[in-house]
N, C-alpha and C. Protein backbone atom coordinates (compact mmCIF):
# COMPACT_ATOMS: atom_id res chain seq x y z
N MET A 1 -6.72 -29.96 13.51
CA MET A 1 -5.64 -29.51 12.41
C MET A 1 -4.26 -29.26 12.56
N ILE A 2 -3.66 -29.99 11.64
CA ILE A 2 -2.02 -29.93 12.27
C ILE A 2 -1.75 -28.30 11.47
N LEU A 3 -0.81 -27.91 12.50
CA LEU A 3 -0.23 -26.53 11.82
C LEU A 3 0.97 -26.79 11.95
N ASP A 4 2.07 -27.52 11.68
CA ASP A 4 3.26 -28.00 11.24
C ASP A 4 3.61 -29.32 11.21
N TYR A 5 3.85 -30.00 9.94
CA TYR A 5 3.61 -31.39 9.66
C TYR A 5 5.24 -31.81 10.22
N ILE A 6 5.92 -30.76 10.15
CA ILE A 6 7.73 -31.27 10.10
C ILE A 6 7.66 -31.33 11.90
N GLU A 7 7.17 -30.47 12.71
CA GLU A 7 7.16 -30.57 14.28
C GLU A 7 6.14 -31.45 14.85
N ASN A 8 4.85 -31.65 13.88
CA ASN A 8 4.14 -32.43 14.22
C ASN A 8 3.35 -31.55 15.24
N TYR A 9 3.03 -30.64 15.12
CA TYR A 9 2.27 -29.42 15.76
C TYR A 9 0.81 -29.77 15.20
N GLU A 10 -0.27 -29.75 16.72
CA GLU A 10 -1.81 -29.92 16.58
C GLU A 10 -2.54 -28.67 16.99
N TYR A 11 -3.70 -28.34 16.28
CA TYR A 11 -4.38 -27.42 16.93
C TYR A 11 -5.38 -28.29 17.32
N VAL A 12 -6.22 -28.85 18.57
CA VAL A 12 -7.11 -29.57 18.56
C VAL A 12 -8.49 -28.49 18.50
N ASP A 13 -9.51 -28.89 17.69
CA ASP A 13 -10.50 -28.10 17.14
C ASP A 13 -11.45 -28.53 19.16
N ASP A 14 -11.80 -27.33 19.42
CA ASP A 14 -12.60 -27.85 20.92
C ASP A 14 -13.82 -27.10 20.45
N GLY A 15 -14.41 -26.55 19.22
CA GLY A 15 -15.40 -25.93 18.85
C GLY A 15 -15.49 -24.51 19.53
N SER A 16 -14.55 -23.71 19.39
CA SER A 16 -14.76 -22.25 20.02
C SER A 16 -14.45 -21.29 19.23
N THR A 17 -14.82 -20.42 19.15
CA THR A 17 -14.74 -19.18 18.27
C THR A 17 -13.35 -18.98 17.85
N GLN A 18 -12.20 -19.48 18.63
CA GLN A 18 -10.70 -18.76 18.59
C GLN A 18 -10.77 -19.76 17.59
N TYR A 19 -10.66 -21.13 17.79
CA TYR A 19 -10.51 -22.01 16.87
C TYR A 19 -10.43 -21.70 15.02
N TYR A 20 -11.99 -21.47 15.37
CA TYR A 20 -12.27 -21.27 13.85
C TYR A 20 -11.60 -19.97 13.11
N GLU A 21 -11.61 -18.84 13.93
CA GLU A 21 -10.90 -17.67 13.44
C GLU A 21 -9.56 -18.13 13.26
N ALA A 22 -8.81 -18.61 14.33
CA ALA A 22 -7.46 -18.58 14.07
C ALA A 22 -7.23 -19.57 12.68
N LYS A 23 -7.82 -20.55 12.41
CA LYS A 23 -8.01 -21.45 11.18
C LYS A 23 -8.45 -20.79 10.40
N MET A 24 -9.17 -19.99 9.89
CA MET A 24 -9.27 -19.01 8.69
C MET A 24 -8.31 -18.01 8.68
N ALA A 25 -7.85 -17.26 9.60
CA ALA A 25 -6.81 -16.36 9.71
C ALA A 25 -5.45 -16.99 8.92
N LEU A 26 -4.91 -18.14 9.46
CA LEU A 26 -3.69 -18.92 8.83
C LEU A 26 -4.53 -19.14 7.57
N ALA A 27 -5.90 -19.71 6.97
CA ALA A 27 -5.88 -19.77 5.51
C ALA A 27 -5.84 -18.86 5.13
N ARG A 28 -6.43 -17.59 5.52
CA ARG A 28 -6.29 -16.47 4.29
C ARG A 28 -4.87 -16.38 4.29
N LEU A 29 -4.03 -16.33 5.24
CA LEU A 29 -2.55 -15.87 4.97
C LEU A 29 -2.01 -16.78 3.93
N ALA A 30 -2.25 -18.07 4.22
CA ALA A 30 -1.79 -18.74 3.34
C ALA A 30 -2.41 -18.84 1.54
N ASP A 31 -3.54 -18.81 1.88
CA ASP A 31 -4.33 -18.61 0.14
C ASP A 31 -3.40 -17.69 -0.25
N GLY A 32 -2.96 -15.88 0.28
CA GLY A 32 -2.48 -15.28 -0.17
C GLY A 32 -0.89 -15.24 -0.40
N MET A 33 -0.34 -16.25 0.05
CA MET A 33 1.04 -16.12 0.10
C MET A 33 1.28 -17.34 -1.15
N ILE A 34 0.06 -18.03 -1.46
CA ILE A 34 0.22 -19.20 -2.70
C ILE A 34 -0.15 -18.19 -3.89
N LEU A 35 -0.56 -17.24 -4.07
CA LEU A 35 -1.01 -16.51 -5.19
C LEU A 35 0.33 -15.82 -5.39
N LEU A 36 0.82 -15.17 -4.23
CA LEU A 36 2.17 -14.66 -4.70
C LEU A 36 2.95 -15.40 -5.24
N HIS A 37 3.33 -16.50 -4.82
CA HIS A 37 4.22 -17.56 -5.12
C HIS A 37 3.88 -18.26 -6.74
N ARG A 38 2.84 -18.22 -7.09
CA ARG A 38 2.35 -18.54 -8.34
C ARG A 38 2.64 -17.11 -9.18
N GLU A 39 3.03 -16.18 -8.82
CA GLU A 39 2.75 -15.05 -9.65
C GLU A 39 4.21 -14.85 -9.86
N VAL A 40 5.17 -14.87 -9.06
CA VAL A 40 6.68 -14.80 -9.00
C VAL A 40 7.13 -15.95 -9.90
N MET A 41 6.16 -17.06 -9.43
CA MET A 41 7.34 -18.66 -10.22
C MET A 41 7.11 -18.23 -12.00
N LYS A 42 6.07 -17.68 -12.01
CA LYS A 42 5.51 -17.46 -13.62
C LYS A 42 6.56 -16.35 -14.10
N LEU A 43 7.15 -15.76 -13.42
CA LEU A 43 7.67 -14.40 -13.83
C LEU A 43 9.41 -15.06 -13.81
N GLN A 44 9.64 -15.74 -12.96
CA GLN A 44 11.10 -16.36 -12.79
C GLN A 44 11.37 -17.39 -13.90
N GLN A 45 10.09 -18.00 -14.33
CA GLN A 45 10.44 -19.35 -15.40
C GLN A 45 10.39 -18.16 -16.96
N LYS A 46 9.29 -17.28 -16.95
CA LYS A 46 9.92 -16.47 -18.27
C LYS A 46 11.40 -15.65 -18.24
N VAL A 47 12.10 -15.14 -16.91
CA VAL A 47 13.19 -14.62 -16.89
C VAL A 47 14.15 -15.68 -17.12
N HIS A 48 13.84 -16.58 -16.54
CA HIS A 48 14.84 -17.85 -17.01
C HIS A 48 15.25 -18.41 -18.13
N ARG A 49 14.48 -18.54 -18.77
CA ARG A 49 13.99 -18.85 -20.53
C ARG A 49 15.36 -17.46 -21.38
N LYS A 50 14.83 -16.30 -20.59
CA LYS A 50 15.48 -15.44 -21.49
C LYS A 50 16.71 -15.15 -20.89
N ALA A 51 17.15 -15.83 -19.81
CA ALA A 51 18.70 -15.59 -19.36
C ALA A 51 19.53 -17.00 -19.99
N LEU A 52 18.86 -18.04 -20.02
CA LEU A 52 19.61 -19.28 -21.09
C LEU A 52 19.50 -18.54 -22.07
N LYS A 53 18.87 -18.13 -22.92
CA LYS A 53 19.44 -17.37 -24.32
C LYS A 53 20.25 -16.49 -24.33
N GLU A 54 20.56 -15.68 -23.45
CA GLU A 54 21.44 -14.62 -23.31
C GLU A 54 22.77 -14.90 -22.45
N ASN A 55 22.70 -16.41 -22.41
CA ASN A 55 23.60 -17.04 -21.03
C ASN A 55 24.05 -16.12 -20.18
N THR A 56 22.97 -15.42 -19.30
CA THR A 56 23.73 -14.66 -18.18
C THR A 56 22.96 -15.21 -17.02
N THR A 57 23.71 -15.33 -16.01
CA THR A 57 23.38 -16.25 -14.83
C THR A 57 23.11 -15.00 -13.26
N THR A 58 22.96 -13.71 -14.07
CA THR A 58 23.18 -12.63 -13.08
C THR A 58 22.68 -11.27 -13.60
N ASP A 59 21.63 -11.10 -13.09
CA ASP A 59 20.82 -9.54 -13.29
C ASP A 59 20.55 -8.63 -12.67
N PHE A 60 21.08 -8.13 -12.24
CA PHE A 60 20.73 -6.98 -11.32
C PHE A 60 20.06 -5.50 -11.53
N THR A 61 20.18 -5.45 -13.17
CA THR A 61 19.66 -3.94 -13.50
C THR A 61 18.15 -4.35 -14.15
N GLU A 62 17.66 -5.47 -14.27
CA GLU A 62 16.29 -5.90 -14.51
C GLU A 62 15.88 -5.57 -15.82
N GLN A 63 17.04 -5.88 -16.87
CA GLN A 63 16.85 -5.98 -18.12
C GLN A 63 15.96 -7.20 -18.57
N LEU A 64 16.18 -8.33 -17.85
CA LEU A 64 15.61 -9.80 -18.30
C LEU A 64 14.01 -9.56 -17.66
N PHE A 65 13.74 -8.49 -17.28
CA PHE A 65 12.24 -8.47 -16.61
C PHE A 65 11.44 -7.88 -17.88
N GLY A 66 11.65 -7.36 -18.69
CA GLY A 66 10.66 -6.98 -19.80
C GLY A 66 9.95 -5.75 -18.91
N ASN A 67 8.82 -5.75 -19.32
CA ASN A 67 7.71 -4.97 -19.02
C ASN A 67 7.07 -4.87 -17.78
N TYR A 68 7.42 -6.22 -17.17
CA TYR A 68 7.02 -6.45 -15.88
C TYR A 68 7.11 -5.20 -14.85
N PRO A 69 6.24 -4.90 -13.79
CA PRO A 69 6.43 -3.79 -13.49
C PRO A 69 7.18 -4.23 -12.44
N LYS A 70 8.58 -3.36 -11.97
CA LYS A 70 9.40 -3.67 -10.88
C LYS A 70 8.81 -3.31 -9.51
N GLY A 71 8.43 -2.08 -9.38
CA GLY A 71 7.79 -2.19 -8.27
C GLY A 71 6.48 -3.05 -7.54
N TYR A 72 6.05 -3.35 -8.24
CA TYR A 72 5.13 -4.43 -7.82
C TYR A 72 5.59 -5.69 -7.75
N LEU A 73 6.72 -6.06 -8.14
CA LEU A 73 7.44 -6.88 -8.05
C LEU A 73 8.42 -7.00 -6.51
N SER A 74 8.78 -5.86 -6.13
CA SER A 74 9.27 -5.50 -5.20
C SER A 74 8.32 -5.85 -3.63
N CYS A 75 7.01 -5.23 -4.38
CA CYS A 75 5.91 -5.22 -2.91
C CYS A 75 5.62 -6.59 -2.78
N ILE A 76 5.59 -7.45 -3.61
CA ILE A 76 5.36 -9.29 -3.44
C ILE A 76 6.04 -9.77 -2.85
N PHE A 77 7.37 -9.16 -2.91
CA PHE A 77 8.60 -10.16 -1.87
C PHE A 77 8.28 -9.48 -0.45
N GLN A 78 8.12 -8.06 -0.42
CA GLN A 78 7.74 -7.73 0.72
C GLN A 78 6.55 -8.07 1.87
N TRP A 79 5.48 -7.95 0.72
CA TRP A 79 4.39 -8.65 1.23
C TRP A 79 4.41 -10.00 1.65
N TYR A 80 4.72 -11.14 0.76
CA TYR A 80 5.31 -12.40 1.23
C TYR A 80 6.02 -12.42 2.38
N ALA A 81 6.85 -11.77 2.76
CA ALA A 81 7.86 -12.30 3.96
C ALA A 81 6.84 -11.51 4.90
N VAL A 82 6.21 -10.60 5.32
CA VAL A 82 5.44 -10.21 6.58
C VAL A 82 4.31 -11.29 6.62
N SER A 83 3.84 -11.43 5.54
CA SER A 83 2.56 -12.62 5.75
C SER A 83 3.58 -13.77 6.34
N ALA A 84 4.30 -14.46 5.93
CA ALA A 84 4.93 -15.77 5.89
C ALA A 84 5.41 -15.78 7.21
N CYS A 85 5.75 -14.29 8.17
CA CYS A 85 6.71 -14.03 9.51
C CYS A 85 5.36 -14.08 10.61
N SER A 86 3.87 -13.61 9.94
CA SER A 86 2.58 -13.37 10.76
C SER A 86 2.37 -14.69 10.60
N TYR A 87 2.50 -15.78 9.45
CA TYR A 87 1.70 -17.00 9.54
C TYR A 87 2.65 -17.92 10.70
N GLY A 88 3.62 -17.53 10.94
CA GLY A 88 4.72 -18.79 11.76
C GLY A 88 4.50 -18.08 13.21
N GLN A 89 4.27 -16.67 13.39
CA GLN A 89 4.34 -16.75 14.55
C GLN A 89 2.80 -16.68 15.15
N LEU A 90 1.87 -16.90 14.46
CA LEU A 90 0.48 -17.18 14.82
C LEU A 90 0.68 -18.81 14.99
N VAL A 91 1.07 -19.68 14.31
CA VAL A 91 1.30 -20.88 14.63
C VAL A 91 2.19 -21.33 16.09
N GLY A 92 3.23 -20.51 16.00
CA GLY A 92 3.81 -20.55 17.29
C GLY A 92 3.01 -20.42 18.66
N LYS A 93 2.27 -18.87 18.58
CA LYS A 93 1.41 -18.99 19.61
C LYS A 93 0.20 -20.30 19.80
N LEU A 94 -0.63 -20.21 18.59
CA LEU A 94 -1.70 -21.41 18.88
C LEU A 94 -0.63 -22.45 19.66
N LYS A 95 0.49 -22.95 19.12
CA LYS A 95 1.05 -24.17 19.97
C LYS A 95 1.50 -24.17 21.19
N THR A 96 2.26 -22.62 21.49
CA THR A 96 2.66 -22.81 22.64
C THR A 96 1.78 -21.85 23.92
N GLY A 97 1.57 -20.91 23.34
CA GLY A 97 0.49 -20.28 24.07
C GLY A 97 1.25 -18.68 24.49
N ASP A 98 2.59 -19.39 23.88
CA ASP A 98 3.51 -17.87 24.96
C ASP A 98 3.93 -17.10 23.58
N GLU A 99 4.03 -15.82 23.45
CA GLU A 99 4.60 -14.80 22.72
C GLU A 99 6.11 -14.88 22.57
N GLN A 100 6.65 -15.13 23.32
CA GLN A 100 8.44 -14.94 23.18
C GLN A 100 8.42 -16.39 22.47
N LYS A 101 7.88 -17.24 22.98
CA LYS A 101 8.34 -18.74 21.99
C LYS A 101 7.59 -18.53 21.10
N ALA A 102 6.72 -17.92 20.61
CA ALA A 102 6.32 -17.98 19.24
C ALA A 102 7.32 -17.14 18.57
N LYS A 103 7.74 -16.00 18.73
CA LYS A 103 9.09 -15.69 18.48
C LYS A 103 9.98 -16.52 17.78
N ALA A 104 10.58 -17.44 18.64
CA ALA A 104 11.55 -18.15 18.86
C ALA A 104 11.76 -18.82 17.75
N TYR A 105 9.96 -19.47 17.73
CA TYR A 105 9.88 -20.14 16.79
C TYR A 105 9.92 -19.70 15.37
N VAL A 106 9.36 -18.63 15.08
CA VAL A 106 9.72 -18.19 13.72
C VAL A 106 11.33 -17.96 13.55
N LYS A 107 11.66 -17.57 14.18
CA LYS A 107 13.34 -17.18 14.17
C LYS A 107 14.26 -19.06 13.88
N THR A 108 13.70 -20.08 14.58
CA THR A 108 14.32 -20.90 14.16
C THR A 108 13.76 -21.28 12.32
N VAL A 109 12.31 -21.35 12.25
CA VAL A 109 12.12 -21.83 11.07
C VAL A 109 12.10 -21.11 9.92
N MET A 110 11.84 -19.83 10.01
CA MET A 110 12.52 -19.05 8.79
C MET A 110 13.56 -17.36 8.91
N PRO A 111 14.31 -18.15 10.03
CA PRO A 111 15.69 -17.00 10.08
C PRO A 111 15.92 -16.20 8.77
N ARG A 112 15.93 -16.25 7.57
CA ARG A 112 16.63 -15.06 7.11
C ARG A 112 15.39 -14.21 6.65
N LEU A 113 14.41 -15.25 6.18
CA LEU A 113 13.15 -14.26 5.92
C LEU A 113 12.72 -13.63 6.84
N ARG A 114 12.57 -13.77 8.24
CA ARG A 114 12.53 -12.93 9.57
C ARG A 114 13.57 -11.87 9.73
N ASP A 115 14.71 -11.99 9.42
CA ASP A 115 15.84 -10.76 9.24
C ASP A 115 15.19 -9.69 8.43
N TYR A 116 14.77 -10.30 7.07
CA TYR A 116 14.56 -9.28 5.92
C TYR A 116 13.22 -8.55 6.02
N ARG A 117 12.08 -9.65 6.85
CA ARG A 117 11.35 -8.93 7.54
C ARG A 117 11.19 -7.74 8.26
N ASN A 118 12.52 -7.80 9.11
CA ASN A 118 12.77 -6.81 10.31
C ASN A 118 13.29 -5.64 9.73
N LYS A 119 14.16 -5.65 8.74
CA LYS A 119 14.93 -4.95 8.10
C LYS A 119 14.57 -4.10 6.90
N VAL A 120 13.51 -4.64 6.19
CA VAL A 120 13.08 -4.17 5.16
C VAL A 120 11.84 -4.09 4.90
N ALA A 121 11.08 -5.36 4.74
CA ALA A 121 10.03 -5.32 4.32
C ALA A 121 8.94 -4.93 5.36
N ALA A 122 9.07 -4.97 7.00
CA ALA A 122 8.28 -4.19 7.82
C ALA A 122 8.39 -2.88 8.05
N HIS A 123 9.67 -2.98 8.12
CA HIS A 123 10.34 -1.07 8.44
C HIS A 123 11.84 -1.12 7.74
N MET A 124 11.74 -0.22 6.96
CA MET A 124 13.40 -0.27 6.71
C MET A 124 14.22 0.33 7.82
N ALA A 125 15.56 -0.50 8.00
CA ALA A 125 16.70 -0.31 8.68
C ALA A 125 16.42 0.83 8.95
N PHE A 126 16.91 1.82 7.53
CA PHE A 126 17.22 3.32 7.50
C PHE A 126 16.56 4.17 8.13
N ALA A 127 15.08 3.97 8.18
CA ALA A 127 14.09 4.67 9.10
C ALA A 127 13.76 4.15 10.50
N ASP A 128 14.05 2.99 10.69
CA ASP A 128 13.87 2.66 12.10
C ASP A 128 14.66 1.30 12.52
N PRO A 129 16.10 1.81 12.84
CA PRO A 129 17.29 1.27 12.95
C PRO A 129 17.18 0.18 14.64
N PHE A 130 17.47 -0.96 14.47
CA PHE A 130 17.74 -1.77 15.41
C PHE A 130 18.84 -1.03 16.24
N LYS A 131 19.31 -1.73 17.25
CA LYS A 131 20.44 -0.74 18.14
C LYS A 131 21.72 -1.73 17.52
N ASP A 132 22.04 -2.82 17.09
CA ASP A 132 23.06 -3.45 16.46
C ASP A 132 22.80 -3.30 14.67
N ASP A 133 22.11 -2.19 14.36
CA ASP A 133 22.14 -1.95 12.88
C ASP A 133 23.66 -1.24 12.55
N ASN A 134 24.38 -1.99 11.63
CA ASN A 134 25.31 -0.57 11.56
C ASN A 134 25.04 -0.11 10.10
N PRO A 135 26.32 0.77 9.66
CA PRO A 135 26.09 1.73 8.45
C PRO A 135 25.69 1.18 7.05
N ALA A 136 25.87 -0.07 7.14
CA ALA A 136 25.55 -0.83 5.56
C ALA A 136 24.46 -1.29 5.77
N ASP A 137 23.79 -2.04 7.03
CA ASP A 137 23.03 -2.47 7.37
C ASP A 137 21.74 -1.64 6.83
N LEU A 138 21.75 -0.20 6.83
CA LEU A 138 20.72 0.84 6.79
C LEU A 138 20.78 1.32 5.80
N ALA A 139 22.01 1.56 4.58
CA ALA A 139 21.95 1.70 3.26
C ALA A 139 21.56 0.73 2.21
N SER A 140 21.80 -0.65 3.10
CA SER A 140 21.36 -1.50 1.99
C SER A 140 19.69 -1.94 2.05
N SER A 141 19.26 -1.48 3.27
CA SER A 141 17.72 -1.47 3.65
C SER A 141 16.99 -1.20 2.36
N LEU A 142 17.78 0.16 2.19
CA LEU A 142 16.75 0.99 0.88
C LEU A 142 16.85 0.13 -0.52
N PHE A 143 17.87 -1.00 -0.81
CA PHE A 143 17.55 -1.80 -1.92
C PHE A 143 16.70 -2.64 -2.29
N THR A 144 15.37 -2.31 -2.30
CA THR A 144 14.43 -3.27 -2.66
C THR A 144 14.34 -4.00 -3.76
N GLN A 145 15.00 -3.63 -4.75
CA GLN A 145 15.30 -4.25 -5.64
C GLN A 145 14.84 -5.67 -6.03
N ILE A 146 14.74 -6.50 -6.82
CA ILE A 146 14.65 -7.90 -7.28
C ILE A 146 15.74 -7.99 -8.18
N ILE A 147 16.23 -9.14 -7.96
CA ILE A 147 17.41 -9.50 -8.94
C ILE A 147 17.31 -10.69 -9.40
N TYR A 148 17.94 -11.20 -10.58
CA TYR A 148 17.94 -12.38 -11.05
C TYR A 148 19.30 -13.07 -10.42
N HIS A 149 19.26 -14.25 -9.99
CA HIS A 149 20.65 -14.76 -9.90
C HIS A 149 20.75 -16.32 -9.91
N ASN A 150 21.45 -16.99 -10.39
CA ASN A 150 21.26 -18.57 -9.95
C ASN A 150 20.01 -19.13 -10.64
N GLU A 151 19.47 -19.04 -11.63
CA GLU A 151 18.17 -19.20 -11.78
C GLU A 151 16.82 -18.81 -11.10
N ARG A 152 17.08 -18.12 -10.10
CA ARG A 152 15.93 -17.88 -9.22
C ARG A 152 15.66 -16.24 -9.09
N LEU A 153 14.54 -15.87 -8.73
CA LEU A 153 14.43 -14.46 -8.80
C LEU A 153 14.56 -14.00 -7.06
N CYS A 154 15.28 -13.14 -6.62
CA CYS A 154 15.74 -12.89 -4.75
C CYS A 154 15.78 -11.37 -4.33
N ALA A 155 15.23 -11.67 -3.56
CA ALA A 155 15.13 -10.09 -2.83
C ALA A 155 16.45 -10.10 -1.68
N GLY A 156 16.64 -8.65 -1.45
CA GLY A 156 17.81 -8.98 -0.44
C GLY A 156 19.03 -9.24 -0.81
N ALA A 157 19.59 -9.68 -2.18
CA ALA A 157 20.73 -10.02 -2.58
C ALA A 157 21.77 -9.00 -2.62
N LEU A 158 21.18 -7.70 -3.07
CA LEU A 158 22.23 -6.82 -3.37
C LEU A 158 22.81 -5.78 -2.01
N THR A 159 23.47 -5.88 -1.77
CA THR A 159 24.02 -4.73 -0.71
C THR A 159 25.33 -3.87 -0.91
N VAL A 160 25.58 -3.18 0.17
CA VAL A 160 26.41 -2.33 -0.05
C VAL A 160 27.69 -1.88 1.00
N ASP A 161 28.95 -1.80 0.81
CA ASP A 161 29.60 -1.71 1.88
C ASP A 161 29.68 -0.29 2.18
N VAL A 162 29.94 0.05 3.39
CA VAL A 162 29.61 1.75 3.83
C VAL A 162 30.90 1.71 4.65
N GLN A 163 31.78 2.61 4.29
CA GLN A 163 33.42 2.58 5.01
C GLN A 163 34.11 1.73 5.55
N SER A 164 34.12 0.48 4.54
CA SER A 164 34.78 -1.07 4.85
C SER A 164 33.99 -1.61 5.53
N VAL A 165 32.71 -1.38 5.94
CA VAL A 165 31.65 -2.20 6.96
C VAL A 165 30.87 -3.01 5.89
N SER A 166 30.60 -4.48 5.81
CA SER A 166 29.87 -4.79 5.42
C SER A 166 28.45 -4.82 6.11
N VAL A 167 27.46 -5.50 5.52
CA VAL A 167 26.21 -5.48 6.42
C VAL A 167 26.03 -7.05 7.06
N SER A 168 25.75 -6.63 8.15
CA SER A 168 25.89 -7.93 9.23
C SER A 168 25.05 -8.98 9.52
N LYS A 169 24.14 -9.13 8.42
CA LYS A 169 23.24 -10.33 8.23
C LYS A 169 23.15 -10.64 6.62
N ASN A 170 23.38 -11.64 6.12
CA ASN A 170 22.77 -11.92 4.73
C ASN A 170 21.62 -12.10 4.54
N LEU A 171 20.45 -11.26 3.98
CA LEU A 171 19.32 -11.20 4.02
C LEU A 171 18.87 -11.86 2.50
N SER A 172 19.59 -12.18 1.51
CA SER A 172 19.25 -12.52 0.45
C SER A 172 18.38 -13.90 0.22
N TRP A 173 17.01 -13.67 -0.09
CA TRP A 173 16.16 -15.06 -0.29
C TRP A 173 15.69 -14.85 -1.74
N SER A 174 15.24 -16.47 -1.84
CA SER A 174 14.17 -16.79 -3.07
C SER A 174 13.01 -16.85 -2.65
N LEU A 175 11.88 -16.37 -3.21
CA LEU A 175 10.24 -16.31 -2.96
C LEU A 175 9.81 -18.00 -3.48
N THR A 176 10.62 -18.18 -4.47
CA THR A 176 10.42 -19.93 -4.69
C THR A 176 10.57 -21.22 -3.75
N GLU A 177 12.08 -20.76 -3.43
CA GLU A 177 12.74 -21.86 -3.17
C GLU A 177 11.90 -21.57 -1.37
N LYS A 178 11.90 -20.88 -0.71
CA LYS A 178 11.21 -20.61 0.51
C LYS A 178 10.10 -21.12 0.41
N HIS A 179 8.75 -21.10 -0.48
CA HIS A 179 7.73 -21.41 -0.42
C HIS A 179 7.64 -22.82 -0.37
N THR A 180 8.59 -23.19 -1.49
CA THR A 180 8.55 -24.66 -1.35
C THR A 180 8.72 -25.25 -0.06
N GLN A 181 9.94 -24.76 0.60
CA GLN A 181 10.16 -25.38 1.98
C GLN A 181 8.83 -25.46 3.02
N LEU A 182 8.39 -23.95 2.99
CA LEU A 182 7.14 -23.91 3.73
C LEU A 182 5.45 -24.30 3.36
N SER A 183 5.36 -24.83 2.22
CA SER A 183 4.59 -25.79 1.65
C SER A 183 4.65 -26.96 2.38
N LYS A 184 5.77 -27.64 2.22
CA LYS A 184 6.18 -29.24 2.83
C LYS A 184 5.68 -29.15 4.62
N ARG A 185 6.10 -27.82 5.01
CA ARG A 185 5.91 -27.79 6.68
C ARG A 185 4.57 -27.45 7.30
N TYR A 186 3.89 -26.61 6.09
CA TYR A 186 2.26 -26.27 6.49
C TYR A 186 1.48 -26.58 5.60
N TRP A 187 1.48 -26.81 4.62
CA TRP A 187 0.27 -26.97 3.32
C TRP A 187 0.82 -28.32 2.47
N PRO A 188 1.14 -29.55 3.35
CA PRO A 188 1.96 -30.47 2.19
C PRO A 188 0.66 -31.16 1.21
N HIS A 189 -0.99 -31.27 1.95
CA HIS A 189 -2.17 -31.28 1.00
C HIS A 189 -2.92 -30.20 0.48
N GLY A 190 -2.38 -29.37 0.57
CA GLY A 190 -2.78 -28.49 0.39
C GLY A 190 -3.60 -27.33 1.33
N ASN A 191 -3.69 -25.91 0.95
CA ASN A 191 -4.76 -25.24 1.81
C ASN A 191 -5.67 -25.32 2.35
N ASN A 192 -5.80 -25.19 4.05
CA ASN A 192 -7.42 -25.22 4.31
C ASN A 192 -8.37 -24.45 3.59
N SER A 193 -9.84 -24.93 3.56
CA SER A 193 -10.98 -24.26 3.16
C SER A 193 -11.12 -23.09 3.66
N LEU A 194 -11.15 -21.82 2.84
CA LEU A 194 -11.51 -20.32 3.51
C LEU A 194 -12.34 -19.98 3.27
N TYR A 195 -13.53 -19.36 4.32
CA TYR A 195 -14.77 -19.33 4.56
C TYR A 195 -14.75 -17.84 5.22
N GLN A 196 -15.42 -16.92 4.24
CA GLN A 196 -15.64 -15.67 4.85
C GLN A 196 -16.13 -15.02 5.98
N ALA A 197 -17.01 -15.57 6.38
CA ALA A 197 -18.55 -15.97 7.28
C ALA A 197 -17.75 -15.83 8.58
N LEU A 198 -18.71 -15.12 9.40
CA LEU A 198 -18.29 -15.34 11.25
C LEU A 198 -18.70 -16.79 11.72
N MET A 199 -18.05 -16.98 12.58
CA MET A 199 -18.60 -17.86 13.45
C MET A 199 -18.68 -17.08 14.81
N ILE A 200 -20.23 -16.97 14.99
CA ILE A 200 -20.74 -15.72 16.31
C ILE A 200 -21.70 -16.93 17.10
N PRO A 201 -20.65 -16.73 18.47
CA PRO A 201 -21.34 -17.82 19.23
C PRO A 201 -22.11 -17.13 20.00
N PRO A 202 -22.91 -17.74 21.00
CA PRO A 202 -23.86 -17.25 21.74
C PRO A 202 -23.77 -16.66 22.71
N GLY A 203 -24.48 -15.81 23.45
CA GLY A 203 -24.44 -15.31 24.58
C GLY A 203 -24.46 -13.30 24.03
N THR A 204 -23.40 -12.70 24.80
CA THR A 204 -23.29 -10.88 24.34
C THR A 204 -22.20 -10.51 23.62
N THR A 205 -21.82 -11.85 22.81
CA THR A 205 -20.77 -11.14 22.14
C THR A 205 -21.09 -10.38 20.99
N THR A 206 -20.68 -8.97 20.93
CA THR A 206 -21.31 -8.02 19.81
C THR A 206 -19.78 -7.74 18.81
N TYR A 207 -20.20 -7.69 17.27
CA TYR A 207 -19.25 -7.14 16.31
C TYR A 207 -19.64 -6.01 16.06
N THR A 208 -18.37 -4.99 15.49
CA THR A 208 -18.69 -3.62 15.12
C THR A 208 -17.90 -3.34 13.68
N VAL A 209 -18.62 -2.85 12.64
CA VAL A 209 -17.94 -2.59 11.78
C VAL A 209 -17.76 -0.97 11.92
N HIS A 210 -16.35 -0.56 11.43
CA HIS A 210 -15.92 0.76 11.53
C HIS A 210 -15.52 1.56 10.33
N ASP A 211 -16.04 2.73 10.23
CA ASP A 211 -16.11 3.16 9.00
C ASP A 211 -13.79 3.48 8.61
N PRO A 212 -13.38 3.59 7.86
CA PRO A 212 -12.45 3.75 7.23
C PRO A 212 -12.09 5.32 7.41
N GLU A 213 -10.73 5.51 7.79
CA GLU A 213 -10.34 6.78 8.07
C GLU A 213 -10.46 7.67 6.83
N LEU A 214 -10.37 7.14 5.63
CA LEU A 214 -11.36 8.22 4.27
C LEU A 214 -12.34 8.84 4.72
N TYR A 215 -13.49 8.42 5.21
CA TYR A 215 -14.40 8.87 5.31
C TYR A 215 -14.78 9.73 6.75
N ILE A 216 -13.91 9.28 7.45
CA ILE A 216 -14.00 10.38 8.69
C ILE A 216 -13.78 12.12 8.65
């Protein structure tokens, strides 16, 4: 299986359970990301047509979005960012076998998406800051609304200066643009087949289904 077509990373099928489950984990992430991209692309095209009629290049009030649920759209971007970073880190770990090298791979392949994930999507800097986060980073991490700018829907594009201090990093990103880049790297021929079934090896391996917390 080719893990990264640009770097030519290959994961050799050794017939193990780990190979199968890693392949399925990647396929599930990719399947979800592809569906999220399809959803955002559909809305982006609709918003862009309205923007052309109104001669608008930027809308951060969300007036062009109509009745589309804004919170759902915000969560789609956050969901995509977390999933993409998980995908990249698993690819890095399968290739190198090293957790730190896997993190470095994500930082190289999707640096802005990684920063958005760390400061907004996985945990907002306001609630869980890093040592180098400044006041503008903390305040801007709460701006989770999606805006329309230059023909694309973008997350992390709206920031605020606090006491004349600007954000330390530009987190603005387009889901459709980033998905196009990642597709060329990971799925140029489409996603791998996805199966729900487990691959149970011979021996003493056991699987347990745990009750969700709701019922405990």
